[in-house]
Amino acid sequence: MKNLILLYLSLATFFAAAQVNKVARMEPILTNGYYVTLRGDTIKGKIQVNPPSTEDFYRQFYFQAPRTKKTKLFTVQRAKAYGYDDKNFVTADLNGKKLFIERLVTGRLRFYEFKYSEKADLNSNLESVYFIKDTEAEDASLKKLKKLTPKFYKKTLKPFMKDQPAVWSELDKYNFSEQNIISAVNQFNMYYEQK
């Protein structure tokens, strides 16, 4: 009897120790979405909206094609863009590394956000970095992604909005606000919409 109890306790300890590094994973939540192949074809299906980490949206995504049951992993090496609901992600070269960035505004001026974690743990907060570019600019440097820093963002935006100075001047010089910039970029783009 004593040996049986010792065997039970040692097995219980072994199984408890084996579970230490296991991370609970949720069942994938899928929603209607799309991805764009490297050739430019748009494929509709379902996108997983609950990856293990929010940072994964900027590195990879899981896609389920119609009439299949399994999701397939896609990275920037296999897709140009993807999206679901009102979120759209496109590939970009950031510091020599290809990643996905979220396009917050579409139009002549495009406004993007990239989120990353400075720490490697799952509980750390994500930092946001913002970028802008002008798809119709005469100056080639404005057609490339330009990083907006919260401290001097208005100075960085000035060359992009020089054609509409009233929109630029309405922005607060000191307080960086994602929503205010989205609103200003949308207002700027309204002047250039195709009619």
C-alpha atoms as a PDB file:
ATOM      1  CA  MET A   1       0.000   0.000   0.000  1.00  0.00           C
ATOM      2  CA  LYS A   2       2.849   2.351   0.885  1.00  0.00           C
ATOM      3  CA  ASN A   3       4.513   1.629  -2.470  1.00  0.00           C
ATOM      4  CA  LEU A   4       1.251   2.330  -4.285  1.00  0.00           C
ATOM      5  CA  ILE A   5       0.899   5.728  -2.580  1.00  0.00           C
ATOM      6  CA  LEU A   6       4.532   6.626  -3.401  1.00  0.00           C
ATOM      7  CA  LEU A   7       3.984   5.599  -7.027  1.00  0.00           C
ATOM      8  CA  TYR A   8       0.824   7.719  -7.203  1.00  0.00           C
ATOM      9  CA  LEU A   9       2.582  10.789  -5.706  1.00  0.00           C
ATOM     10  CA  SER A  10       5.593  10.458  -8.009  1.00  0.00           C
ATOM     11  CA  LEU A  11       3.334  10.146 -11.087  1.00  0.00           C
ATOM     12  CA  ALA A  12       1.251  13.130  -9.979  1.00  0.00           C
ATOM     13  CA  THR A  13       4.431  15.180  -9.499  1.00  0.00           C
ATOM     14  CA  PHE A  14       5.749  14.111 -12.919  1.00  0.00           C
ATOM     15  CA  PHE A  15       2.522  15.062 -14.731  1.00  0.00           C
ATOM     16  CA  ALA A  16       2.226  18.362 -12.861  1.00  0.00           C
ATOM     17  CA  ALA A  17       5.813  19.282 -13.794  1.00  0.00           C
ATOM     18  CA  ALA A  18       5.220  18.326 -17.425  1.00  0.00           C
ATOM     19  CA  GLN A  19       2.421  20.932 -17.700  1.00  0.00           C
ATOM     20  CA  VAL A  20       4.497  23.932 -16.529  1.00  0.00           C
ATOM     21  CA  ASN A  21       5.460  25.209 -19.994  1.00  0.00           C
ATOM     22  CA  LYS A  22       2.166  24.441 -21.666  1.00  0.00           C
ATOM     23  CA  VAL A  23       0.262  27.502 -22.821  1.00  0.00           C
ATOM     24  CA  ALA A  24      -3.477  27.274 -23.122  1.00  0.00           C
ATOM     25  CA  ARG A  25      -4.547  27.904 -26.707  1.00  0.00           C
ATOM     26  CA  MET A  26      -7.962  29.077 -27.729  1.00  0.00           C
ATOM     27  CA  GLU A  27      -9.904  27.559 -30.552  1.00  0.00           C
ATOM     28  CA  PRO A  28      -9.328  29.709 -33.666  1.00  0.00           C
ATOM     29  CA  ILE A  29     -11.969  32.371 -34.267  1.00  0.00           C
ATOM     30  CA  LEU A  30     -12.433  32.909 -37.996  1.00  0.00           C
ATOM     31  CA  THR A  31     -14.122  35.757 -39.851  1.00  0.00           C
ATOM     32  CA  ASN A  32     -14.601  36.602 -43.513  1.00  0.00           C
ATOM     33  CA  GLY A  33     -11.474  38.026 -45.073  1.00  0.00           C
ATOM     34  CA  TYR A  34      -9.106  37.925 -47.991  1.00  0.00           C
ATOM     35  CA  TYR A  35      -5.463  37.823 -48.935  1.00  0.00           C
ATOM     36  CA  VAL A  36      -3.571  39.005 -52.005  1.00  0.00           C
ATOM     37  CA  THR A  37      -1.130  36.571 -53.597  1.00  0.00           C
ATOM     38  CA  LEU A  38       2.324  37.602 -54.767  1.00  0.00           C
ATOM     39  CA  ARG A  39       0.928  37.682 -58.326  1.00  0.00           C
ATOM     40  CA  GLY A  40      -1.814  40.120 -57.249  1.00  0.00           C
ATOM     41  CA  ASP A  41      -4.799  37.733 -57.161  1.00  0.00           C
ATOM     42  CA  THR A  42      -7.297  38.265 -54.349  1.00  0.00           C
ATOM     43  CA  ILE A  43      -8.427  35.076 -52.594  1.00  0.00           C
ATOM     44  CA  LYS A  44     -11.474  35.223 -50.323  1.00  0.00           C
ATOM     45  CA  GLY A  45     -11.934  32.967 -47.333  1.00  0.00           C
ATOM     46  CA  LYS A  46     -11.633  33.201 -43.550  1.00  0.00           C
ATOM     47  CA  ILE A  47      -8.923  34.875 -41.445  1.00  0.00           C
ATOM     48  CA  GLN A  48      -8.110  33.888 -37.859  1.00  0.00           C
ATOM     49  CA  VAL A  49      -8.683  36.950 -35.658  1.00  0.00           C
ATOM     50  CA  ASN A  50      -7.348  35.561 -32.363  1.00  0.00           C
ATOM     51  CA  PRO A  51      -3.663  34.699 -32.849  1.00  0.00           C
ATOM     52  CA  PRO A  52      -1.619  33.802 -29.760  1.00  0.00           C
ATOM     53  CA  SER A  53      -0.191  37.339 -29.734  1.00  0.00           C
ATOM     54  CA  THR A  54      -1.527  40.599 -31.212  1.00  0.00           C
ATOM     55  CA  GLU A  55       1.974  41.158 -32.584  1.00  0.00           C
ATOM     56  CA  ASP A  56       1.399  38.164 -34.900  1.00  0.00           C
ATOM     57  CA  PHE A  57      -0.899  40.287 -37.120  1.00  0.00           C
ATOM     58  CA  TYR A  58       2.255  42.107 -38.260  1.00  0.00           C
ATOM     59  CA  ARG A  59       4.288  38.968 -39.029  1.00  0.00           C
ATOM     60  CA  GLN A  60       1.812  36.364 -40.248  1.00  0.00           C
ATOM     61  CA  PHE A  61      -1.815  35.333 -40.513  1.00  0.00           C
ATOM     62  CA  TYR A  62      -3.851  32.142 -40.692  1.00  0.00           C
ATOM     63  CA  PHE A  63      -6.170  31.724 -43.659  1.00  0.00           C
ATOM     64  CA  GLN A  64      -8.867  29.107 -44.282  1.00  0.00           C
ATOM     65  CA  ALA A  65      -9.829  28.647 -47.916  1.00  0.00           C
ATOM     66  CA  PRO A  66     -13.450  27.876 -48.839  1.00  0.00           C
ATOM     67  CA  ARG A  67     -14.386  24.207 -48.531  1.00  0.00           C
ATOM     68  CA  THR A  68     -11.404  23.386 -46.302  1.00  0.00           C
ATOM     69  CA  LYS A  69     -11.307  22.711 -42.580  1.00  0.00           C
ATOM     70  CA  LYS A  70      -7.715  23.619 -41.732  1.00  0.00           C
ATOM     71  CA  THR A  71      -6.134  27.039 -41.540  1.00  0.00           C
ATOM     72  CA  LYS A  72      -2.887  27.682 -43.382  1.00  0.00           C
ATOM     73  CA  LEU A  73      -0.079  29.976 -42.204  1.00  0.00           C
ATOM     74  CA  PHE A  74       0.889  32.877 -44.501  1.00  0.00           C
ATOM     75  CA  THR A  75       3.824  35.250 -44.105  1.00  0.00           C
ATOM     76  CA  VAL A  76       5.138  38.146 -46.206  1.00  0.00           C
ATOM     77  CA  GLN A  77       6.972  35.590 -48.357  1.00  0.00           C
ATOM     78  CA  ARG A  78       3.599  34.193 -49.518  1.00  0.00           C
ATOM     79  CA  ALA A  79       1.196  37.185 -49.515  1.00  0.00           C
ATOM     80  CA  LYS A  80       1.251  40.891 -50.424  1.00  0.00           C
ATOM     81  CA  ALA A  81      -1.690  41.874 -48.247  1.00  0.00           C
ATOM     82  CA  TYR A  82      -4.597  40.556 -46.204  1.00  0.00           C
ATOM     83  CA  GLY A  83      -7.602  41.880 -44.415  1.00  0.00           C
ATOM     84  CA  TYR A  84     -10.790  41.200 -42.502  1.00  0.00           C
ATOM     85  CA  ASP A  85     -13.654  43.358 -41.235  1.00  0.00           C
ATOM     86  CA  ASP A  86     -12.341  46.950 -41.510  1.00  0.00           C
ATOM     87  CA  LYS A  87      -8.688  46.013 -41.047  1.00  0.00           C
ATOM     88  CA  ASN A  88      -6.235  45.870 -43.955  1.00  0.00           C
ATOM     89  CA  PHE A  89      -2.592  44.867 -43.733  1.00  0.00           C
ATOM     90  CA  VAL A  90       0.005  45.334 -46.475  1.00  0.00           C
ATOM     91  CA  THR A  91       3.648  44.355 -46.736  1.00  0.00           C
ATOM     92  CA  ALA A  92       6.324  46.937 -46.064  1.00  0.00           C
ATOM     93  CA  ASP A  93      10.082  46.965 -45.735  1.00  0.00           C
ATOM     94  CA  LEU A  94      10.883  48.248 -42.240  1.00  0.00           C
ATOM     95  CA  ASN A  95      14.573  48.523 -41.408  1.00  0.00           C
ATOM     96  CA  GLY A  96      15.467  45.886 -43.997  1.00  0.00           C
ATOM     97  CA  LYS A  97      12.841  43.419 -42.772  1.00  0.00           C
ATOM     98  CA  LYS A  98       9.586  42.693 -44.604  1.00  0.00           C
ATOM     99  CA  LEU A  99       6.543  42.785 -42.316  1.00  0.00           C
ATOM    100  CA  PHE A 100       2.840  43.533 -42.485  1.00  0.00           C
ATOM    101  CA  ILE A 101       1.641  46.993 -41.440  1.00  0.00           C
ATOM    102  CA  GLU A 102      -1.957  48.043 -40.923  1.00  0.00           C
ATOM    103  CA  ARG A 103      -3.294  50.594 -43.412  1.00  0.00           C
ATOM    104  CA  LEU A 104      -5.469  52.963 -41.371  1.00  0.00           C
ATOM    105  CA  VAL A 105      -6.337  55.344 -44.250  1.00  0.00           C
ATOM    106  CA  THR A 106      -6.514  54.714 -47.989  1.00  0.00           C
ATOM    107  CA  GLY A 107      -6.397  57.442 -50.620  1.00  0.00           C
ATOM    108  CA  ARG A 108      -3.782  59.771 -52.019  1.00  0.00           C
ATOM    109  CA  LEU A 109      -2.216  59.985 -48.558  1.00  0.00           C
ATOM    110  CA  ARG A 110      -1.930  56.639 -46.838  1.00  0.00           C
ATOM    111  CA  PHE A 111      -1.521  56.345 -43.099  1.00  0.00           C
ATOM    112  CA  TYR A 112      -0.155  53.151 -41.509  1.00  0.00           C
ATOM    113  CA  GLU A 113       0.442  51.666 -38.079  1.00  0.00           C
ATOM    114  CA  PHE A 114       2.887  48.995 -36.982  1.00  0.00           C
ATOM    115  CA  LYS A 115       2.749  47.502 -33.489  1.00  0.00           C
ATOM    116  CA  TYR A 116       5.589  45.720 -31.745  1.00  0.00           C
ATOM    117  CA  SER A 117       6.642  44.668 -28.290  1.00  0.00           C
ATOM    118  CA  GLU A 118       9.939  45.804 -26.816  1.00  0.00           C
ATOM    119  CA  LYS A 119       9.922  42.829 -24.448  1.00  0.00           C
ATOM    120  CA  ALA A 120       9.714  39.179 -25.424  1.00  0.00           C
ATOM    121  CA  ASP A 121       6.998  38.175 -22.945  1.00  0.00           C
ATOM    122  CA  LEU A 122       3.328  37.799 -23.848  1.00  0.00           C
ATOM    123  CA  ASN A 123       2.129  40.243 -21.190  1.00  0.00           C
ATOM    124  CA  SER A 124       4.072  43.278 -22.415  1.00  0.00           C
ATOM    125  CA  ASN A 125       2.274  46.237 -23.969  1.00  0.00           C
ATOM    126  CA  LEU A 126       2.565  46.868 -27.680  1.00  0.00           C
ATOM    127  CA  GLU A 127       4.166  50.065 -28.921  1.00  0.00           C
ATOM    128  CA  SER A 128       2.817  51.761 -32.057  1.00  0.00           C
ATOM    129  CA  VAL A 129       4.854  53.286 -34.852  1.00  0.00           C
ATOM    130  CA  TYR A 130       3.095  55.334 -37.536  1.00  0.00           C
ATOM    131  CA  PHE A 131       4.013  55.898 -41.173  1.00  0.00           C
ATOM    132  CA  ILE A 132       2.662  58.021 -44.012  1.00  0.00           C
ATOM    133  CA  LYS A 133       3.209  58.235 -47.759  1.00  0.00           C
ATOM    134  CA  ASP A 134       1.788  60.165 -50.716  1.00  0.00           C
ATOM    135  CA  THR A 135       0.932  57.901 -53.651  1.00  0.00           C
ATOM    136  CA  GLU A 136       0.639  60.797 -56.131  1.00  0.00           C
ATOM    137  CA  ALA A 137       3.472  63.088 -55.027  1.00  0.00           C
ATOM    138  CA  GLU A 138       5.845  64.630 -57.547  1.00  0.00           C
ATOM    139  CA  ASP A 139       8.670  64.344 -55.021  1.00  0.00           C
ATOM    140  CA  ALA A 140       9.849  60.703 -55.014  1.00  0.00           C
ATOM    141  CA  SER A 141      10.837  60.880 -51.337  1.00  0.00           C
ATOM    142  CA  LEU A 142       7.178  61.461 -50.377  1.00  0.00           C
ATOM    143  CA  LYS A 143       6.145  58.256 -52.180  1.00  0.00           C
ATOM    144  CA  LYS A 144       8.174  56.218 -49.683  1.00  0.00           C
ATOM    145  CA  LEU A 145       7.055  55.385 -46.158  1.00  0.00           C
ATOM    146  CA  LYS A 146       7.992  58.116 -43.731  1.00  0.00           C
ATOM    147  CA  LYS A 147       7.951  57.463 -39.988  1.00  0.00           C
ATOM    148  CA  LEU A 148       5.949  59.864 -37.808  1.00  0.00           C
ATOM    149  CA  THR A 149       7.367  60.446 -34.367  1.00  0.00           C
ATOM    150  CA  PRO A 150       4.885  61.729 -31.755  1.00  0.00           C
ATOM    151  CA  LYS A 151       7.227  64.549 -30.751  1.00  0.00           C
ATOM    152  CA  PHE A 152       7.737  66.144 -34.190  1.00  0.00           C
ATOM    153  CA  TYR A 153       4.887  64.628 -36.170  1.00  0.00           C
ATOM    154  CA  LYS A 154       3.450  67.943 -37.402  1.00  0.00           C
ATOM    155  CA  LYS A 155       6.795  68.970 -38.909  1.00  0.00           C
ATOM    156  CA  THR A 156       7.003  65.589 -40.684  1.00  0.00           C
ATOM    157  CA  LEU A 157       3.439  65.925 -42.011  1.00  0.00           C
ATOM    158  CA  LYS A 158       3.954  69.423 -43.450  1.00  0.00           C
ATOM    159  CA  PRO A 159       5.470  68.347 -46.821  1.00  0.00           C
ATOM    160  CA  PHE A 160       2.727  65.753 -47.255  1.00  0.00           C
ATOM    161  CA  MET A 161      -0.060  68.265 -46.660  1.00  0.00           C
ATOM    162  CA  LYS A 162       1.478  71.340 -48.299  1.00  0.00           C
ATOM    163  CA  ASP A 163      -1.286  71.341 -50.951  1.00  0.00           C
ATOM    164  CA  GLN A 164      -3.927  71.723 -48.213  1.00  0.00           C
ATOM    165  CA  PRO A 165      -2.339  73.925 -45.494  1.00  0.00           C
ATOM    166  CA  ALA A 166      -5.661  74.491 -43.725  1.00  0.00           C
ATOM    167  CA  VAL A 167      -5.903  70.771 -42.914  1.00  0.00           C
ATOM    168  CA  TRP A 168      -2.333  70.706 -41.613  1.00  0.00           C
ATOM    169  CA  SER A 169      -2.714  73.865 -39.508  1.00  0.00           C
ATOM    170  CA  GLU A 170      -5.725  72.415 -37.641  1.00  0.00           C
ATOM    171  CA  LEU A 171      -3.592  69.675 -36.097  1.00  0.00           C
ATOM    172  CA  ASP A 172      -2.456  70.196 -32.515  1.00  0.00           C
ATOM    173  CA  LYS A 173       1.263  70.987 -32.464  1.00  0.00           C
ATOM    174  CA  TYR A 174       1.993  69.293 -29.150  1.00  0.00           C
ATOM    175  CA  ASN A 175      -0.428  66.394 -28.704  1.00  0.00           C
ATOM    176  CA  PHE A 176      -0.100  63.429 -31.032  1.00  0.00           C
ATOM    177  CA  SER A 177      -3.459  61.713 -31.562  1.00  0.00           C
ATOM    178  CA  GLU A 178      -3.983  58.817 -33.950  1.00  0.00           C
ATOM    179  CA  GLN A 179      -7.648  59.699 -34.432  1.00  0.00           C
ATOM    180  CA  ASN A 180      -6.884  63.364 -35.209  1.00  0.00           C
ATOM    181  CA  ILE A 181      -4.313  62.361 -37.819  1.00  0.00           C
ATOM    182  CA  ILE A 182      -6.719  59.850 -39.376  1.00  0.00           C
ATOM    183  CA  SER A 183      -9.349  62.573 -39.552  1.00  0.00           C
ATOM    184  CA  ALA A 184      -6.909  65.086 -41.099  1.00  0.00           C
ATOM    185  CA  VAL A 185      -5.630  62.577 -43.677  1.00  0.00           C
ATOM    186  CA  ASN A 186      -9.205  61.617 -44.609  1.00  0.00           C
ATOM    187  CA  GLN A 187     -10.082  65.303 -44.954  1.00  0.00           C
ATOM    188  CA  PHE A 188      -7.000  65.855 -47.151  1.00  0.00           C
ATOM    189  CA  ASN A 189      -7.891  62.836 -49.328  1.00  0.00           C
ATOM    190  CA  MET A 190     -11.433  64.118 -49.881  1.00  0.00           C
ATOM    191  CA  TYR A 191      -9.986  66.911 -52.033  1.00  0.00           C
ATOM    192  CA  TYR A 192      -8.442  64.336 -54.383  1.00  0.00           C
ATOM    193  CA  GLU A 193     -11.140  61.695 -54.679  1.00  0.00           C
ATOM    194  CA  GLN A 194     -12.019  60.616 -58.211  1.00  0.00           C
ATOM    195  CA  LYS A 195     -15.415  61.938 -59.216  1.00  0.00           C
END
